[in-house]
Amino acid sequence: MTLEVDSEMNAQVEEVGAEPLVFIPDVALFDVEGPSIVDDF
């Protein structure tokens, strides 16, 4: 499956019938307190 995400975070799928779930987290990178972004979720 090919998933294209543009600079405005719009996702498009090329394959007919594919319905992926897309999650783009909204993270303030300079406010991350854990050792990684994953730890702050």
N, C-alpha and C. Protein backbone atom coordinates (compact mmCIF):
# COMPACT_ATOMS: atom_id res chain seq x y z
N MET A 1 0.84 -1.16 0.00
CA MET A 1 0.00 0.00 0.00
C MET A 1 0.90 1.24 0.00
N THR A 2 0.52 2.22 -0.78
CA THR A 2 1.25 3.48 -0.83
C THR A 2 0.42 4.55 -0.15
N LEU A 3 1.00 5.19 0.84
CA LEU A 3 0.33 6.24 1.58
C LEU A 3 1.14 7.53 1.40
N GLU A 4 0.49 8.56 0.90
CA GLU A 4 1.17 9.83 0.66
C GLU A 4 0.62 10.87 1.64
N VAL A 5 1.52 11.55 2.37
CA VAL A 5 1.13 12.60 3.30
C VAL A 5 1.80 13.89 2.84
N ASP A 6 0.97 14.92 2.60
CA ASP A 6 1.54 16.18 2.11
C ASP A 6 1.95 17.09 3.27
N SER A 7 2.44 18.26 2.95
CA SER A 7 2.97 19.19 3.96
C SER A 7 1.89 19.73 4.90
N GLU A 8 0.62 19.58 4.52
CA GLU A 8 -0.48 20.01 5.38
C GLU A 8 -1.10 18.82 6.14
N MET A 9 -0.37 17.68 6.15
CA MET A 9 -0.78 16.47 6.85
C MET A 9 -2.06 15.84 6.30
N ASN A 10 -2.34 16.04 5.02
CA ASN A 10 -3.45 15.37 4.35
C ASN A 10 -2.93 14.04 3.81
N ALA A 11 -3.63 12.96 4.09
CA ALA A 11 -3.19 11.63 3.65
C ALA A 11 -4.03 11.16 2.47
N GLN A 12 -3.37 10.55 1.49
CA GLN A 12 -4.04 9.98 0.33
C GLN A 12 -3.51 8.57 0.10
N VAL A 13 -4.42 7.65 -0.25
CA VAL A 13 -4.05 6.26 -0.53
C VAL A 13 -4.24 6.02 -2.01
N GLU A 14 -3.26 5.36 -2.63
CA GLU A 14 -3.30 5.12 -4.07
C GLU A 14 -4.12 3.89 -4.45
N GLU A 15 -4.17 2.87 -3.58
CA GLU A 15 -4.81 1.61 -3.92
C GLU A 15 -6.34 1.68 -3.76
N VAL A 16 -7.06 1.16 -4.74
CA VAL A 16 -8.52 1.12 -4.69
C VAL A 16 -8.97 0.17 -3.59
N GLY A 17 -9.89 0.63 -2.76
CA GLY A 17 -10.46 -0.22 -1.71
C GLY A 17 -9.70 -0.20 -0.40
N ALA A 18 -8.50 0.37 -0.36
CA ALA A 18 -7.74 0.43 0.89
C ALA A 18 -8.30 1.53 1.77
N GLU A 19 -8.48 1.23 3.07
CA GLU A 19 -8.99 2.21 4.02
C GLU A 19 -8.15 2.18 5.30
N PRO A 20 -6.90 2.68 5.22
CA PRO A 20 -6.04 2.64 6.41
C PRO A 20 -6.48 3.67 7.45
N LEU A 21 -6.17 3.39 8.71
CA LEU A 21 -6.37 4.36 9.78
C LEU A 21 -5.08 5.15 9.91
N VAL A 22 -5.18 6.46 9.82
CA VAL A 22 -3.99 7.31 9.88
C VAL A 22 -4.09 8.19 11.12
N PHE A 23 -3.03 8.19 11.91
CA PHE A 23 -2.97 9.02 13.11
C PHE A 23 -1.69 9.86 13.05
N ILE A 24 -1.85 11.15 13.07
CA ILE A 24 -0.70 12.05 13.08
C ILE A 24 -0.76 12.80 14.41
N PRO A 25 0.12 12.46 15.34
CA PRO A 25 0.06 13.10 16.66
C PRO A 25 0.44 14.57 16.61
N ASP A 26 -0.22 15.35 17.46
CA ASP A 26 0.08 16.76 17.59
C ASP A 26 0.93 16.92 18.85
N VAL A 27 2.24 17.04 18.68
CA VAL A 27 3.17 17.07 19.80
C VAL A 27 3.96 18.37 19.76
N ALA A 28 4.02 19.04 20.90
CA ALA A 28 4.88 20.22 21.04
C ALA A 28 6.27 19.69 21.36
N LEU A 29 7.12 19.59 20.35
CA LEU A 29 8.41 18.93 20.51
C LEU A 29 9.29 19.56 21.59
N PHE A 30 9.17 20.86 21.81
CA PHE A 30 10.02 21.52 22.80
C PHE A 30 9.48 21.36 24.22
N ASP A 31 8.27 20.78 24.36
CA ASP A 31 7.69 20.56 25.68
C ASP A 31 7.77 19.10 26.12
N VAL A 32 8.45 18.26 25.35
CA VAL A 32 8.59 16.85 25.69
C VAL A 32 9.46 16.73 26.94
N GLU A 33 8.93 16.06 27.98
CA GLU A 33 9.66 15.93 29.23
C GLU A 33 10.31 14.56 29.40
N GLY A 34 9.77 13.53 28.72
CA GLY A 34 10.31 12.19 28.83
C GLY A 34 11.56 12.04 27.97
N PRO A 35 12.21 10.87 28.08
CA PRO A 35 13.41 10.65 27.26
C PRO A 35 13.13 10.55 25.76
N SER A 36 11.85 10.32 25.40
CA SER A 36 11.47 10.29 23.99
C SER A 36 10.01 10.74 23.86
N ILE A 37 9.58 11.02 22.64
CA ILE A 37 8.19 11.44 22.40
C ILE A 37 7.23 10.34 22.82
N VAL A 38 7.58 9.09 22.60
CA VAL A 38 6.72 7.95 22.94
C VAL A 38 6.41 7.93 24.43
N ASP A 39 7.38 8.28 25.27
CA ASP A 39 7.17 8.27 26.71
C ASP A 39 6.17 9.33 27.17
N ASP A 40 5.97 10.38 26.42
CA ASP A 40 5.03 11.44 26.80
C ASP A 40 3.59 11.19 26.33
N PHE A 41 3.36 10.10 25.60
CA PHE A 41 1.99 9.79 25.17
C PHE A 41 1.26 9.04 26.23
